[in-house]
Amino acid sequence: MAFCRVSKLNDAGVSRSAKGLGYEKEIRDYGLNMFGMYGRKVKLSHSEMIEDNKKDLAVNEHGLTCPLTQDCSNRCINYINPEHKKTIKALQDAGYLK
């Protein structure tokens, strides 16, 4: 959702910076996983973690390429786990989800 909101700024420099920060976060996530501190706190194998990183980066790219005419709520809803009720509520309360 954050990357989609960045796309609405229509600023290539900000989008590049966000993309770079997304890559840095994935490197951080990989490091946390090495110590069993990532996600569900279950250590993933190298290949599982690389796959997770690739999926996260693809979602980031999906958000960054959101057309100005499309609503982030509609574009990103399928990427939010419906079982993550607290996340959904927080996004709704902040006005990011309808």
PDB file of N, CA and C in Angstrom:
ATOM      1  N   MET A   1       0.834  -1.180   0.000  1.00  0.00           N
ATOM      2  CA  MET A   1       0.000   0.000   0.000  1.00  0.00           C
ATOM      3  C   MET A   1       0.885   1.252   0.000  1.00  0.00           C
ATOM      4  N   ALA A   2       1.992   1.215   0.720  1.00  0.00           N
ATOM      5  CA  ALA A   2       2.868   2.387   0.798  1.00  0.00           C
ATOM      6  C   ALA A   2       3.450   2.732  -0.566  1.00  0.00           C
ATOM      7  N   PHE A   3       3.851   1.727  -1.330  1.00  0.00           N
ATOM      8  CA  PHE A   3       4.443   1.986  -2.631  1.00  0.00           C
ATOM      9  C   PHE A   3       3.405   2.535  -3.600  1.00  0.00           C
ATOM     10  N   CYS A   4       2.181   2.101  -3.476  1.00  0.00           N
ATOM     11  CA  CYS A   4       1.100   2.645  -4.294  1.00  0.00           C
ATOM     12  C   CYS A   4       0.904   4.125  -3.967  1.00  0.00           C
ATOM     13  N   ARG A   5       0.919   4.442  -2.702  1.00  0.00           N
ATOM     14  CA  ARG A   5       0.741   5.842  -2.299  1.00  0.00           C
ATOM     15  C   ARG A   5       1.902   6.701  -2.800  1.00  0.00           C
ATOM     16  N   VAL A   6       3.108   6.146  -2.831  1.00  0.00           N
ATOM     17  CA  VAL A   6       4.256   6.868  -3.381  1.00  0.00           C
ATOM     18  C   VAL A   6       4.019   7.153  -4.861  1.00  0.00           C
ATOM     19  N   SER A   7       3.445   6.196  -5.580  1.00  0.00           N
ATOM     20  CA  SER A   7       3.208   6.390  -7.016  1.00  0.00           C
ATOM     21  C   SER A   7       2.305   7.592  -7.277  1.00  0.00           C
ATOM     22  N   LYS A   8       1.424   7.895  -6.351  1.00  0.00           N
ATOM     23  CA  LYS A   8       0.487   9.012  -6.519  1.00  0.00           C
ATOM     24  C   LYS A   8       1.187  10.370  -6.435  1.00  0.00           C
ATOM     25  N   LEU A   9       2.401  10.395  -5.912  1.00  0.00           N
ATOM     26  CA  LEU A   9       3.165  11.642  -5.864  1.00  0.00           C
ATOM     27  C   LEU A   9       3.649  12.040  -7.251  1.00  0.00           C
ATOM     28  N   ASN A  10       3.699  11.055  -8.170  1.00  0.00           N
ATOM     29  CA  ASN A  10       4.108  11.288  -9.554  1.00  0.00           C
ATOM     30  C   ASN A  10       5.481  11.964  -9.610  1.00  0.00           C
ATOM     31  N   ASP A  11       6.407  11.457  -8.810  1.00  0.00           N
ATOM     32  CA  ASP A  11       7.754  12.016  -8.705  1.00  0.00           C
ATOM     33  C   ASP A  11       8.751  10.868  -8.876  1.00  0.00           C
ATOM     34  N   ALA A  12       9.450  10.857 -10.013  1.00  0.00           N
ATOM     35  CA  ALA A  12      10.366   9.756 -10.331  1.00  0.00           C
ATOM     36  C   ALA A  12      11.465   9.607  -9.285  1.00  0.00           C
ATOM     37  N   GLY A  13      11.958  10.715  -8.763  1.00  0.00           N
ATOM     38  CA  GLY A  13      13.014  10.654  -7.750  1.00  0.00           C
ATOM     39  C   GLY A  13      12.541   9.993  -6.468  1.00  0.00           C
ATOM     40  N   VAL A  14      11.350  10.344  -6.042  1.00  0.00           N
ATOM     41  CA  VAL A  14      10.787   9.735  -4.830  1.00  0.00           C
ATOM     42  C   VAL A  14      10.531   8.253  -5.070  1.00  0.00           C
ATOM     43  N   SER A  15      10.039   7.905  -6.255  1.00  0.00           N
ATOM     44  CA  SER A  15       9.787   6.493  -6.576  1.00  0.00           C
ATOM     45  C   SER A  15      11.081   5.690  -6.571  1.00  0.00           C
ATOM     46  N   ARG A  16      12.156   6.267  -7.140  1.00  0.00           N
ATOM     47  CA  ARG A  16      13.464   5.581  -7.121  1.00  0.00           C
ATOM     48  C   ARG A  16      13.947   5.381  -5.692  1.00  0.00           C
ATOM     49  N   SER A  17      13.791   6.403  -4.876  1.00  0.00           N
ATOM     50  CA  SER A  17      14.213   6.296  -3.471  1.00  0.00           C
ATOM     51  C   SER A  17      13.417   5.221  -2.745  1.00  0.00           C
ATOM     52  N   ALA A  18      12.109   5.195  -2.975  1.00  0.00           N
ATOM     53  CA  ALA A  18      11.259   4.186  -2.342  1.00  0.00           C
ATOM     54  C   ALA A  18      11.670   2.790  -2.784  1.00  0.00           C
ATOM     55  N   LYS A  19      11.952   2.642  -4.072  1.00  0.00           N
ATOM     56  CA  LYS A  19      12.372   1.338  -4.591  1.00  0.00           C
ATOM     57  C   LYS A  19      13.676   0.899  -3.923  1.00  0.00           C
ATOM     58  N   GLY A  20      14.611   1.828  -3.783  1.00  0.00           N
ATOM     59  CA  GLY A  20      15.872   1.526  -3.107  1.00  0.00           C
ATOM     60  C   GLY A  20      15.663   1.113  -1.662  1.00  0.00           C
ATOM     61  N   LEU A  21      14.789   1.824  -0.974  1.00  0.00           N
ATOM     62  CA  LEU A  21      14.482   1.460   0.415  1.00  0.00           C
ATOM     63  C   LEU A  21      13.815   0.090   0.491  1.00  0.00           C
ATOM     64  N   GLY A  22      13.007  -0.243  -0.518  1.00  0.00           N
ATOM     65  CA  GLY A  22      12.386  -1.563  -0.563  1.00  0.00           C
ATOM     66  C   GLY A  22      13.438  -2.664  -0.668  1.00  0.00           C
ATOM     67  N   TYR A  23      14.462  -2.434  -1.516  1.00  0.00           N
ATOM     68  CA  TYR A  23      15.552  -3.407  -1.634  1.00  0.00           C
ATOM     69  C   TYR A  23      16.305  -3.531  -0.309  1.00  0.00           C
ATOM     70  N   GLU A  24      16.563  -2.393   0.329  1.00  0.00           N
ATOM     71  CA  GLU A  24      17.264  -2.424   1.614  1.00  0.00           C
ATOM     72  C   GLU A  24      16.465  -3.189   2.666  1.00  0.00           C
ATOM     73  N   LYS A  25      15.159  -3.032   2.654  1.00  0.00           N
ATOM     74  CA  LYS A  25      14.320  -3.753   3.612  1.00  0.00           C
ATOM     75  C   LYS A  25      14.413  -5.258   3.375  1.00  0.00           C
ATOM     76  N   GLU A  26      14.454  -5.676   2.118  1.00  0.00           N
ATOM     77  CA  GLU A  26      14.559  -7.106   1.830  1.00  0.00           C
ATOM     78  C   GLU A  26      15.902  -7.667   2.295  1.00  0.00           C
ATOM     79  N   ILE A  27      16.954  -6.881   2.166  1.00  0.00           N
ATOM     80  CA  ILE A  27      18.269  -7.305   2.681  1.00  0.00           C
ATOM     81  C   ILE A  27      18.195  -7.444   4.200  1.00  0.00           C
ATOM     82  N   ARG A  28      17.543  -6.489   4.848  1.00  0.00           N
ATOM     83  CA  ARG A  28      17.357  -6.551   6.306  1.00  0.00           C
ATOM     84  C   ARG A  28      16.554  -7.790   6.684  1.00  0.00           C
ATOM     85  N   ASP A  29      15.462  -8.040   5.953  1.00  0.00           N
ATOM     86  CA  ASP A  29      14.632  -9.213   6.235  1.00  0.00           C
ATOM     87  C   ASP A  29      15.445 -10.499   6.111  1.00  0.00           C
ATOM     88  N   TYR A  30      16.301 -10.564   5.087  1.00  0.00           N
ATOM     89  CA  TYR A  30      17.133 -11.756   4.900  1.00  0.00           C
ATOM     90  C   TYR A  30      18.042 -11.946   6.116  1.00  0.00           C
ATOM     91  N   GLY A  31      18.648 -10.856   6.565  1.00  0.00           N
ATOM     92  CA  GLY A  31      19.515 -10.931   7.745  1.00  0.00           C
ATOM     93  C   GLY A  31      18.759 -11.352   8.996  1.00  0.00           C
ATOM     94  N   LEU A  32      17.573 -10.791   9.199  1.00  0.00           N
ATOM     95  CA  LEU A  32      16.758 -11.186  10.356  1.00  0.00           C
ATOM     96  C   LEU A  32      16.439 -12.675  10.303  1.00  0.00           C
ATOM     97  N   ASN A  33      16.162 -13.173   9.105  1.00  0.00           N
ATOM     98  CA  ASN A  33      15.840 -14.595   8.959  1.00  0.00           C
ATOM     99  C   ASN A  33      17.003 -15.484   9.393  1.00  0.00           C
ATOM    100  N   MET A  34      18.218 -15.033   9.145  1.00  0.00           N
ATOM    101  CA  MET A  34      19.389 -15.835   9.517  1.00  0.00           C
ATOM    102  C   MET A  34      19.416 -16.119  11.017  1.00  0.00           C
ATOM    103  N   PHE A  35      18.783 -15.238  11.789  1.00  0.00           N
ATOM    104  CA  PHE A  35      18.738 -15.397  13.240  1.00  0.00           C
ATOM    105  C   PHE A  35      17.358 -15.826  13.730  1.00  0.00           C
ATOM    106  N   GLY A  36      16.491 -16.228  12.791  1.00  0.00           N
ATOM    107  CA  GLY A  36      15.150 -16.676  13.160  1.00  0.00           C
ATOM    108  C   GLY A  36      14.260 -15.563  13.680  1.00  0.00           C
ATOM    109  N   MET A  37      14.534 -14.343  13.241  1.00  0.00           N
ATOM    110  CA  MET A  37      13.790 -13.187  13.751  1.00  0.00           C
ATOM    111  C   MET A  37      12.890 -12.546  12.695  1.00  0.00           C
ATOM    112  N   TYR A  38      12.653 -13.241  11.598  1.00  0.00           N
ATOM    113  CA  TYR A  38      11.853 -12.680  10.510  1.00  0.00           C
ATOM    114  C   TYR A  38      10.468 -13.315  10.478  1.00  0.00           C
ATOM    115  N   GLY A  39       9.477 -12.519  10.173  1.00  0.00           N
ATOM    116  CA  GLY A  39       8.123 -13.035   9.954  1.00  0.00           C
ATOM    117  C   GLY A  39       7.572 -13.822  11.121  1.00  0.00           C
ATOM    118  N   ARG A  40       7.284 -15.083  10.845  1.00  0.00           N
ATOM    119  CA  ARG A  40       6.682 -15.958  11.864  1.00  0.00           C
ATOM    120  C   ARG A  40       7.714 -16.505  12.841  1.00  0.00           C
ATOM    121  N   LYS A  41       8.924 -15.994  12.764  1.00  0.00           N
ATOM    122  CA  LYS A  41      10.028 -16.417  13.647  1.00  0.00           C
ATOM    123  C   LYS A  41      10.423 -17.874  13.411  1.00  0.00           C
ATOM    124  N   VAL A  42      10.140 -18.362  12.202  1.00  0.00           N
ATOM    125  CA  VAL A  42      10.561 -19.695  11.776  1.00  0.00           C
ATOM    126  C   VAL A  42      11.616 -19.474  10.699  1.00  0.00           C
ATOM    127  N   LYS A  43      12.816 -19.971  10.929  1.00  0.00           N
ATOM    128  CA  LYS A  43      13.909 -19.736   9.996  1.00  0.00           C
ATOM    129  C   LYS A  43      13.626 -20.407   8.655  1.00  0.00           C
ATOM    130  N   LEU A  44      13.659 -19.607   7.591  1.00  0.00           N
ATOM    131  CA  LEU A  44      13.443 -20.116   6.242  1.00  0.00           C
ATOM    132  C   LEU A  44      14.781 -20.494   5.620  1.00  0.00           C
ATOM    133  N   SER A  45      14.753 -21.425   4.679  1.00  0.00           N
ATOM    134  CA  SER A  45      15.970 -21.787   3.957  1.00  0.00           C
ATOM    135  C   SER A  45      16.361 -20.621   3.043  1.00  0.00           C
ATOM    136  N   HIS A  46      17.586 -20.692   2.520  1.00  0.00           N
ATOM    137  CA  HIS A  46      18.055 -19.650   1.603  1.00  0.00           C
ATOM    138  C   HIS A  46      17.088 -19.498   0.433  1.00  0.00           C
ATOM    139  N   SER A  47      16.719 -20.603  -0.198  1.00  0.00           N
ATOM    140  CA  SER A  47      15.839 -20.525  -1.372  1.00  0.00           C
ATOM    141  C   SER A  47      14.447 -20.015  -1.007  1.00  0.00           C
ATOM    142  N   GLU A  48      13.938 -20.395   0.159  1.00  0.00           N
ATOM    143  CA  GLU A  48      12.629 -19.892   0.604  1.00  0.00           C
ATOM    144  C   GLU A  48      12.683 -18.384   0.849  1.00  0.00           C
ATOM    145  N   MET A  49      13.781 -17.938   1.423  1.00  0.00           N
ATOM    146  CA  MET A  49      13.908 -16.516   1.723  1.00  0.00           C
ATOM    147  C   MET A  49      14.067 -15.703   0.442  1.00  0.00           C
ATOM    148  N   ILE A  50      14.837 -16.215  -0.501  1.00  0.00           N
ATOM    149  CA  ILE A  50      14.996 -15.521  -1.783  1.00  0.00           C
ATOM    150  C   ILE A  50      13.640 -15.417  -2.480  1.00  0.00           C
ATOM    151  N   GLU A  51      12.865 -16.489  -2.448  1.00  0.00           N
ATOM    152  CA  GLU A  51      11.523 -16.472  -3.046  1.00  0.00           C
ATOM    153  C   GLU A  51      10.632 -15.446  -2.345  1.00  0.00           C
ATOM    154  N   ASP A  52      10.708 -15.383  -1.025  1.00  0.00           N
ATOM    155  CA  ASP A  52       9.944 -14.399  -0.256  1.00  0.00           C
ATOM    156  C   ASP A  52      10.358 -12.978  -0.643  1.00  0.00           C
ATOM    157  N   ASN A  53      11.665 -12.750  -0.756  1.00  0.00           N
ATOM    158  CA  ASN A  53      12.164 -11.428  -1.149  1.00  0.00           C
ATOM    159  C   ASN A  53      11.651 -11.042  -2.533  1.00  0.00           C
ATOM    160  N   LYS A  54      11.700 -11.984  -3.468  1.00  0.00           N
ATOM    161  CA  LYS A  54      11.234 -11.709  -4.833  1.00  0.00           C
ATOM    162  C   LYS A  54       9.750 -11.355  -4.851  1.00  0.00           C
ATOM    163  N   LYS A  55       8.961 -12.084  -4.077  1.00  0.00           N
ATOM    164  CA  LYS A  55       7.521 -11.796  -4.009  1.00  0.00           C
ATOM    165  C   LYS A  55       7.275 -10.408  -3.427  1.00  0.00           C
ATOM    166  N   ASP A  56       7.995 -10.071  -2.364  1.00  0.00           N
ATOM    167  CA  ASP A  56       7.835  -8.751  -1.750  1.00  0.00           C
ATOM    168  C   ASP A  56       8.207  -7.641  -2.731  1.00  0.00           C
ATOM    169  N   LEU A  57       9.304  -7.834  -3.462  1.00  0.00           N
ATOM    170  CA  LEU A  57       9.728  -6.825  -4.431  1.00  0.00           C
ATOM    171  C   LEU A  57       8.719  -6.690  -5.568  1.00  0.00           C
ATOM    172  N   ALA A  58       8.098  -7.803  -5.967  1.00  0.00           N
ATOM    173  CA  ALA A  58       7.064  -7.758  -7.013  1.00  0.00           C
ATOM    174  C   ALA A  58       5.845  -6.972  -6.538  1.00  0.00           C
ATOM    175  N   VAL A  59       5.474  -7.159  -5.284  1.00  0.00           N
ATOM    176  CA  VAL A  59       4.344  -6.401  -4.719  1.00  0.00           C
ATOM    177  C   VAL A  59       4.694  -4.912  -4.666  1.00  0.00           C
ATOM    178  N   ASN A  60       5.925  -4.600  -4.274  1.00  0.00           N
ATOM    179  CA  ASN A  60       6.357  -3.200  -4.254  1.00  0.00           C
ATOM    180  C   ASN A  60       6.243  -2.586  -5.648  1.00  0.00           C
ATOM    181  N   GLU A  61       6.702  -3.324  -6.649  1.00  0.00           N
ATOM    182  CA  GLU A  61       6.650  -2.837  -8.032  1.00  0.00           C
ATOM    183  C   GLU A  61       5.208  -2.647  -8.491  1.00  0.00           C
ATOM    184  N   HIS A  62       4.339  -3.561  -8.090  1.00  0.00           N
ATOM    185  CA  HIS A  62       2.913  -3.447  -8.418  1.00  0.00           C
ATOM    186  C   HIS A  62       2.369  -2.123  -7.877  1.00  0.00           C
ATOM    187  N   GLY A  63       2.738  -1.786  -6.667  1.00  0.00           N
ATOM    188  CA  GLY A  63       2.295  -0.526  -6.080  1.00  0.00           C
ATOM    189  C   GLY A  63       2.888   0.682  -6.776  1.00  0.00           C
ATOM    190  N   LEU A  64       4.182   0.617  -7.078  1.00  0.00           N
ATOM    191  CA  LEU A  64       4.854   1.758  -7.711  1.00  0.00           C
ATOM    192  C   LEU A  64       4.342   2.040  -9.120  1.00  0.00           C
ATOM    193  N   THR A  65       3.757   1.053  -9.764  1.00  0.00           N
ATOM    194  CA  THR A  65       3.269   1.237 -11.135  1.00  0.00           C
ATOM    195  C   THR A  65       1.767   1.509 -11.186  1.00  0.00           C
ATOM    196  N   CYS A  66       1.191   1.858 -10.073  1.00  0.00           N
ATOM    197  CA  CYS A  66      -0.242   2.156 -10.033  1.00  0.00           C
ATOM    198  C   CYS A  66      -0.532   3.415 -10.853  1.00  0.00           C
ATOM    199  N   PRO A  67      -1.460   3.320 -11.803  1.00  0.00           N
ATOM    200  CA  PRO A  67      -1.826   4.511 -12.578  1.00  0.00           C
ATOM    201  C   PRO A  67      -2.435   5.590 -11.675  1.00  0.00           C
ATOM    202  N   LEU A  68      -2.220   6.828 -12.036  1.00  0.00           N
ATOM    203  CA  LEU A  68      -2.757   7.941 -11.253  1.00  0.00           C
ATOM    204  C   LEU A  68      -4.276   7.881 -11.155  1.00  0.00           C
ATOM    205  N   THR A  69      -4.904   7.264 -12.140  1.00  0.00           N
ATOM    206  CA  THR A  69      -6.369   7.210 -12.174  1.00  0.00           C
ATOM    207  C   THR A  69      -6.954   6.063 -11.360  1.00  0.00           C
ATOM    208  N   GLN A  70      -6.094   5.179 -10.847  1.00  0.00           N
ATOM    209  CA  GLN A  70      -6.587   4.029 -10.082  1.00  0.00           C
ATOM    210  C   GLN A  70      -6.396   4.258  -8.587  1.00  0.00           C
ATOM    211  N   ASP A  71      -7.370   3.849  -7.822  1.00  0.00           N
ATOM    212  CA  ASP A  71      -7.348   3.979  -6.369  1.00  0.00           C
ATOM    213  C   ASP A  71      -6.453   2.899  -5.753  1.00  0.00           C
ATOM    214  N   CYS A  72      -5.582   3.283  -4.823  1.00  0.00           N
ATOM    215  CA  CYS A  72      -4.684   2.323  -4.167  1.00  0.00           C
ATOM    216  C   CYS A  72      -5.459   1.233  -3.435  1.00  0.00           C
ATOM    217  N   SER A  73      -6.555   1.597  -2.836  1.00  0.00           N
ATOM    218  CA  SER A  73      -7.365   0.634  -2.099  1.00  0.00           C
ATOM    219  C   SER A  73      -7.801  -0.514  -3.012  1.00  0.00           C
ATOM    220  N   ASN A  74      -8.268  -0.167  -4.209  1.00  0.00           N
ATOM    221  CA  ASN A  74      -8.709  -1.191  -5.163  1.00  0.00           C
ATOM    222  C   ASN A  74      -7.539  -1.984  -5.726  1.00  0.00           C
ATOM    223  N   ARG A  75      -6.432  -1.306  -5.994  1.00  0.00           N
ATOM    224  CA  ARG A  75      -5.287  -1.972  -6.617  1.00  0.00           C
ATOM    225  C   ARG A  75      -4.598  -2.948  -5.662  1.00  0.00           C
ATOM    226  N   CYS A  76      -4.555  -2.618  -4.393  1.00  0.00           N
ATOM    227  CA  CYS A  76      -3.727  -3.375  -3.453  1.00  0.00           C
ATOM    228  C   CYS A  76      -4.482  -4.355  -2.559  1.00  0.00           C
ATOM    229  N   ILE A  77      -5.795  -4.313  -2.551  1.00  0.00           N
ATOM    230  CA  ILE A  77      -6.571  -5.131  -1.615  1.00  0.00           C
ATOM    231  C   ILE A  77      -6.251  -6.624  -1.728  1.00  0.00           C
ATOM    232  N   ASN A  78      -5.966  -7.106  -2.929  1.00  0.00           N
ATOM    233  CA  ASN A  78      -5.691  -8.537  -3.110  1.00  0.00           C
ATOM    234  C   ASN A  78      -4.353  -8.968  -2.516  1.00  0.00           C
ATOM    235  N   TYR A  79      -3.507  -8.004  -2.166  1.00  0.00           N
ATOM    236  CA  TYR A  79      -2.209  -8.327  -1.582  1.00  0.00           C
ATOM    237  C   TYR A  79      -2.234  -8.305  -0.059  1.00  0.00           C
ATOM    238  N   ILE A  80      -3.367  -7.973   0.516  1.00  0.00           N
ATOM    239  CA  ILE A  80      -3.492  -7.925   1.973  1.00  0.00           C
ATOM    240  C   ILE A  80      -4.194  -9.190   2.441  1.00  0.00           C
ATOM    241  N   ASN A  81      -3.534  -9.921   3.318  1.00  0.00           N
ATOM    242  CA  ASN A  81      -4.092 -11.171   3.833  1.00  0.00           C
ATOM    243  C   ASN A  81      -5.381 -10.864   4.597  1.00  0.00           C
ATOM    244  N   PRO A  82      -6.517 -11.436   4.164  1.00  0.00           N
ATOM    245  CA  PRO A  82      -7.789 -11.142   4.832  1.00  0.00           C
ATOM    246  C   PRO A  82      -7.833 -11.602   6.292  1.00  0.00           C
ATOM    247  N   GLU A  83      -6.926 -12.484   6.685  1.00  0.00           N
ATOM    248  CA  GLU A  83      -6.875 -12.947   8.069  1.00  0.00           C
ATOM    249  C   GLU A  83      -6.144 -11.956   8.983  1.00  0.00           C
ATOM    250  N   HIS A  84      -5.458 -10.994   8.404  1.00  0.00           N
ATOM    251  CA  HIS A  84      -4.718  -9.994   9.184  1.00  0.00           C
ATOM    252  C   HIS A  84      -5.650  -8.829   9.512  1.00  0.00           C
ATOM    253  N   LYS A  85      -6.560  -9.102  10.408  1.00  0.00           N
ATOM    254  CA  LYS A  85      -7.625  -8.153  10.763  1.00  0.00           C
ATOM    255  C   LYS A  85      -7.086  -6.840  11.334  1.00  0.00           C
ATOM    256  N   LYS A  86      -6.038  -6.922  12.160  1.00  0.00           N
ATOM    257  CA  LYS A  86      -5.482  -5.702  12.759  1.00  0.00           C
ATOM    258  C   LYS A  86      -4.893  -4.790  11.683  1.00  0.00           C
ATOM    259  N   THR A  87      -4.205  -5.389  10.722  1.00  0.00           N
ATOM    260  CA  THR A  87      -3.624  -4.604   9.627  1.00  0.00           C
ATOM    261  C   THR A  87      -4.719  -3.933   8.820  1.00  0.00           C
ATOM    262  N   ILE A  88      -5.747  -4.694   8.485  1.00  0.00           N
ATOM    263  CA  ILE A  88      -6.860  -4.147   7.704  1.00  0.00           C
ATOM    264  C   ILE A  88      -7.524  -3.000   8.455  1.00  0.00           C
ATOM    265  N   LYS A  89      -7.757  -3.199   9.739  1.00  0.00           N
ATOM    266  CA  LYS A  89      -8.402  -2.147  10.548  1.00  0.00           C
ATOM    267  C   LYS A  89      -7.533  -0.898  10.599  1.00  0.00           C
ATOM    268  N   ALA A  90      -6.233  -1.082  10.795  1.00  0.00           N
ATOM    269  CA  ALA A  90      -5.322   0.067  10.854  1.00  0.00           C
ATOM    270  C   ALA A  90      -5.319   0.823   9.525  1.00  0.00           C
ATOM    271  N   LEU A  91      -5.321   0.092   8.413  1.00  0.00           N
ATOM    272  CA  LEU A  91      -5.348   0.740   7.101  1.00  0.00           C
ATOM    273  C   LEU A  91      -6.673   1.464   6.865  1.00  0.00           C
ATOM    274  N   GLN A  92      -7.750   0.865   7.324  1.00  0.00           N
ATOM    275  CA  GLN A  92      -9.062   1.515   7.205  1.00  0.00           C
ATOM    276  C   GLN A  92      -9.124   2.767   8.076  1.00  0.00           C
ATOM    277  N   ASP A  93      -8.656   2.661   9.305  1.00  0.00           N
ATOM    278  CA  ASP A  93      -8.673   3.801  10.226  1.00  0.00           C
ATOM    279  C   ASP A  93      -7.838   4.971   9.695  1.00  0.00           C
ATOM    280  N   ALA A  94      -6.758   4.646   8.986  1.00  0.00           N
ATOM    281  CA  ALA A  94      -5.892   5.684   8.423  1.00  0.00           C
ATOM    282  C   ALA A  94      -6.443   6.236   7.106  1.00  0.00           C
ATOM    283  N   GLY A  95      -7.520   5.625   6.613  1.00  0.00           N
ATOM    284  CA  GLY A  95      -8.120   6.084   5.362  1.00  0.00           C
ATOM    285  C   GLY A  95      -7.475   5.514   4.115  1.00  0.00           C
ATOM    286  N   TYR A  96      -6.619   4.488   4.271  1.00  0.00           N
ATOM    287  CA  TYR A  96      -5.943   3.888   3.128  1.00  0.00           C
ATOM    288  C   TYR A  96      -6.777   2.810   2.456  1.00  0.00           C
ATOM    289  N   LEU A  97      -7.685   2.200   3.195  1.00  0.00           N
ATOM    290  CA  LEU A  97      -8.593   1.180   2.655  1.00  0.00           C
ATOM    291  C   LEU A  97     -10.021   1.644   2.865  1.00  0.00           C
ATOM    292  N   LYS A  98     -10.837   1.316   1.908  1.00  0.00           N
ATOM    293  CA  LYS A  98     -12.261   1.668   2.020  1.00  0.00           C
ATOM    294  C   LYS A  98     -13.009   0.571   2.725  1.00  0.00           C
TER     295      LYS A  98
END
